[in-house]
Amino acid sequence: DLPEDFNMVEITLTITNINPYIVVSLQECERMNTLLGEIRKSLNDLDAGLKGQLNITEAMERLNNSLFVNSVPTTWADKAYFSKKSLGDWFADLLLRVEQIAKWIEKQEVPLSLWISGLFNPMSFLTAIMQVTAREFVLPLDSMCLQTDVTNMFEVEEVTAPPERGMYIHGLFLEGAQWEKGRGLEQGC
């Protein structure tokens, strides 16, 4: 089943402390609602077309063909995040993304470890980290930079408390490099 849209009015009314992390979570909700709305509308239109209640359009034919070959329809991909997954895997991934956003919004705090590649806009989250740090130390945002420390935690469940400063993330990918698990920072690069 397709998840329900996030009720932005209700969510906004329950927020007690607006901070950069909450702003990012609200942006993620909005983007997810846009994607879910497109999926819902296109599937409802296709269903009505197949039942003879609407004329079949070229867009409906393309959607039907994509579903038949287990690929993500272009109209969905245009409103989604980059992915090369098949439709089934993409949808399972979508459900995990909705779950992460829902927990984040419900608790009004960032998870102990955030699935960074599960965001529509990971850079906005990284910018939020810099904003929070800049405010904490009363420094200009443009003087901030990101520093990544690799931990010895291999499972999300190993994170039991937030870091002293910054955030734990998982799902970060390296391009043009490799990391050897268990070899440490000096030997792993």
Protein backbone atom coordinates (compact mmCIF):
# COMPACT_ATOMS: atom_id res chain seq x y z
CA ASP A 1 0.00 0.00 0.00
CA LEU A 2 1.08 3.53 -0.72
CA PRO A 3 1.72 5.54 2.46
CA GLU A 4 -0.53 8.48 3.28
CA ASP A 5 0.73 12.01 2.73
CA PHE A 6 2.26 13.79 5.68
CA ASN A 7 -0.34 16.15 7.16
CA MET A 8 1.69 19.34 7.05
CA VAL A 9 -0.88 21.43 8.94
CA GLU A 10 -1.00 18.94 11.81
CA ILE A 11 2.77 18.53 11.83
CA THR A 12 3.35 22.28 11.88
CA LEU A 13 0.94 22.72 14.80
CA THR A 14 2.78 20.11 16.89
CA ILE A 15 6.27 21.56 16.43
CA THR A 16 7.52 23.05 19.67
CA ASN A 17 11.02 24.15 18.68
CA ILE A 18 11.89 25.32 15.17
CA ASN A 19 15.54 24.62 14.44
CA PRO A 20 17.51 23.87 11.26
CA TYR A 21 16.94 20.10 11.66
CA ILE A 22 13.17 20.55 11.91
CA VAL A 23 13.24 22.78 8.84
CA VAL A 24 15.04 20.03 6.89
CA SER A 25 12.53 17.42 8.10
CA LEU A 26 9.65 19.63 6.94
CA GLN A 27 11.30 20.07 3.53
CA GLU A 28 11.67 16.29 3.29
CA CYS A 29 7.97 15.87 4.16
CA GLU A 30 6.98 18.32 1.43
CA ARG A 31 9.14 16.57 -1.17
CA MET A 32 7.77 13.17 -0.13
CA ASN A 33 4.21 14.47 -0.35
CA THR A 34 4.90 15.72 -3.88
CA LEU A 35 6.24 12.30 -4.89
CA LEU A 36 3.44 10.36 -3.19
CA GLY A 37 0.88 12.68 -4.80
CA GLU A 38 2.31 12.00 -8.25
CA ILE A 39 2.35 8.24 -7.66
CA ARG A 40 -1.20 8.25 -6.30
CA LYS A 41 -2.62 10.42 -9.10
CA SER A 42 -0.95 8.52 -11.92
CA LEU A 43 -2.01 5.12 -10.53
CA ASN A 44 -5.59 6.32 -9.99
CA ASP A 45 -5.71 7.70 -13.54
CA LEU A 46 -4.33 4.45 -14.95
CA ASP A 47 -6.83 2.42 -12.93
CA ALA A 48 -9.70 4.58 -14.22
CA GLY A 49 -8.37 4.26 -17.76
CA LEU A 50 -8.14 0.48 -17.55
CA LYS A 51 -11.71 0.37 -16.21
CA GLY A 52 -12.90 2.46 -19.16
CA GLN A 53 -13.74 5.49 -17.02
CA LEU A 54 -11.08 7.65 -18.71
CA ASN A 55 -9.52 7.63 -22.16
CA ILE A 56 -6.08 6.01 -22.10
CA THR A 57 -3.43 8.68 -22.70
CA GLU A 58 0.17 8.31 -23.81
CA ALA A 59 1.25 9.05 -20.23
CA MET A 60 -0.93 6.18 -18.97
CA GLU A 61 0.55 3.86 -21.59
CA ARG A 62 4.10 4.81 -20.56
CA LEU A 63 3.19 4.26 -16.90
CA ASN A 64 1.66 0.87 -17.68
CA ASN A 65 4.71 -0.16 -19.71
CA SER A 66 7.08 0.88 -16.91
CA LEU A 67 5.08 -1.08 -14.35
CA PHE A 68 5.04 -4.11 -16.67
CA VAL A 69 8.85 -4.15 -16.99
CA ASN A 70 9.42 -3.35 -13.28
CA SER A 71 11.05 0.03 -13.88
CA VAL A 72 10.39 3.32 -12.12
CA PRO A 73 8.10 5.48 -14.29
CA THR A 74 9.74 8.66 -15.54
CA THR A 75 7.06 10.90 -14.00
CA TRP A 76 7.85 9.40 -10.59
CA ALA A 77 11.63 9.51 -11.06
CA ASP A 78 11.39 13.21 -11.99
CA LYS A 79 9.93 13.99 -8.56
CA ALA A 80 12.05 11.48 -6.65
CA TYR A 81 15.65 10.95 -5.65
CA PHE A 82 18.25 9.46 -7.97
CA SER A 83 18.07 5.67 -8.09
CA LYS A 84 18.94 2.91 -10.53
CA LYS A 85 16.90 0.31 -8.63
CA SER A 86 14.13 -1.76 -10.16
CA LEU A 87 10.59 -0.66 -9.31
CA GLY A 88 10.15 -3.27 -6.56
CA ASP A 89 13.40 -2.34 -4.82
CA TRP A 90 12.72 1.35 -5.39
CA PHE A 91 9.31 1.07 -3.72
CA ALA A 92 10.79 -0.83 -0.74
CA ASP A 93 13.36 1.97 -0.48
CA LEU A 94 10.57 4.56 -0.65
CA LEU A 95 8.82 2.93 2.32
CA LEU A 96 12.05 3.08 4.36
CA ARG A 97 12.43 6.76 3.50
CA VAL A 98 8.86 7.50 4.59
CA GLU A 99 9.50 5.60 7.84
CA GLN A 100 12.65 7.63 8.59
CA ILE A 101 10.87 10.95 7.95
CA ALA A 102 7.84 9.88 10.02
CA LYS A 103 9.98 8.95 13.03
CA TRP A 104 11.99 12.16 12.70
CA ILE A 105 8.83 14.29 12.63
CA GLU A 106 7.08 12.34 15.39
CA LYS A 107 9.98 12.71 17.84
CA GLN A 108 10.88 16.21 16.60
CA GLU A 109 14.53 15.26 16.80
CA VAL A 110 17.05 13.80 14.42
CA PRO A 111 17.50 10.02 14.75
CA LEU A 112 20.68 8.97 16.58
CA SER A 113 22.07 8.04 13.17
CA LEU A 114 20.44 9.53 10.10
CA TRP A 115 20.31 7.61 6.82
CA ILE A 116 21.85 10.43 4.78
CA SER A 117 21.27 8.80 1.39
CA GLY A 118 17.62 8.37 2.38
CA LEU A 119 17.06 12.12 2.02
CA PHE A 120 15.89 13.98 -1.06
CA ASN A 121 18.40 16.72 -0.31
CA PRO A 122 21.30 15.45 1.84
CA MET A 123 23.16 18.75 1.47
CA SER A 124 20.41 20.62 3.30
CA PHE A 125 20.95 18.34 6.30
CA LEU A 126 24.71 18.91 6.20
CA THR A 127 24.07 22.65 6.01
CA ALA A 128 21.75 22.36 9.03
CA ILE A 129 24.59 20.75 11.00
CA MET A 130 26.80 23.72 10.16
CA GLN A 131 24.02 26.18 11.08
CA VAL A 132 23.52 24.58 14.49
CA THR A 133 27.27 24.59 15.13
CA ALA A 134 27.62 28.21 13.97
CA ARG A 135 24.83 29.27 16.33
CA GLU A 136 26.32 27.30 19.22
CA PHE A 137 29.70 29.01 18.86
CA VAL A 138 28.33 32.36 17.62
CA LEU A 139 30.30 32.14 14.38
CA PRO A 140 29.31 33.10 10.84
CA LEU A 141 27.96 30.23 8.77
CA ASP A 142 30.47 30.87 5.99
CA SER A 143 33.30 30.10 8.42
CA MET A 144 31.95 26.57 8.96
CA CYS A 145 33.21 23.46 7.23
CA LEU A 146 32.27 19.82 7.44
CA GLN A 147 34.51 17.26 9.07
CA THR A 148 33.78 13.56 8.84
CA ASP A 149 35.06 11.17 11.45
CA VAL A 150 34.68 7.48 10.69
CA THR A 151 33.63 5.44 13.71
CA ASN A 152 34.11 1.77 14.53
CA MET A 153 30.33 1.27 14.60
CA PHE A 154 29.15 -0.94 11.76
CA GLU A 155 25.46 -1.23 12.63
CA VAL A 156 23.00 1.60 13.27
CA GLU A 157 21.90 -0.15 16.46
CA GLU A 158 25.37 0.41 17.92
CA VAL A 159 24.66 4.14 18.17
CA THR A 160 23.22 4.63 21.65
CA ALA A 161 23.74 8.36 22.21
CA PRO A 162 24.25 11.44 20.05
CA PRO A 163 27.82 12.62 19.44
CA GLU A 164 29.25 15.48 21.47
CA ARG A 165 29.06 17.70 18.39
CA GLY A 166 27.50 17.14 14.99
CA MET A 167 25.50 14.09 13.95
CA TYR A 168 25.98 10.43 13.21
CA ILE A 169 25.02 9.45 9.69
CA HIS A 170 24.98 6.21 7.76
CA GLY A 171 24.49 5.42 4.09
CA LEU A 172 27.37 7.63 2.95
CA PHE A 173 29.02 6.45 -0.26
CA LEU A 174 32.55 7.07 -1.49
CA GLU A 175 33.27 7.76 -5.15
CA GLY A 176 36.73 7.10 -6.51
CA ALA A 177 37.88 5.52 -3.24
CA GLN A 178 37.37 2.47 -1.09
CA TRP A 179 37.08 1.77 2.60
CA GLU A 180 38.23 -1.46 4.15
CA LYS A 181 35.98 -2.29 7.07
CA GLY A 182 37.93 -2.90 10.26
CA ARG A 183 41.25 -1.53 8.99
CA GLY A 184 40.92 1.90 10.58
CA LEU A 185 41.27 5.42 9.30
CA GLU A 186 44.97 5.38 8.36
CA GLN A 187 44.93 2.07 6.48
CA GLY A 188 41.36 2.11 5.15
CA CYS A 189 41.70 4.86 2.55
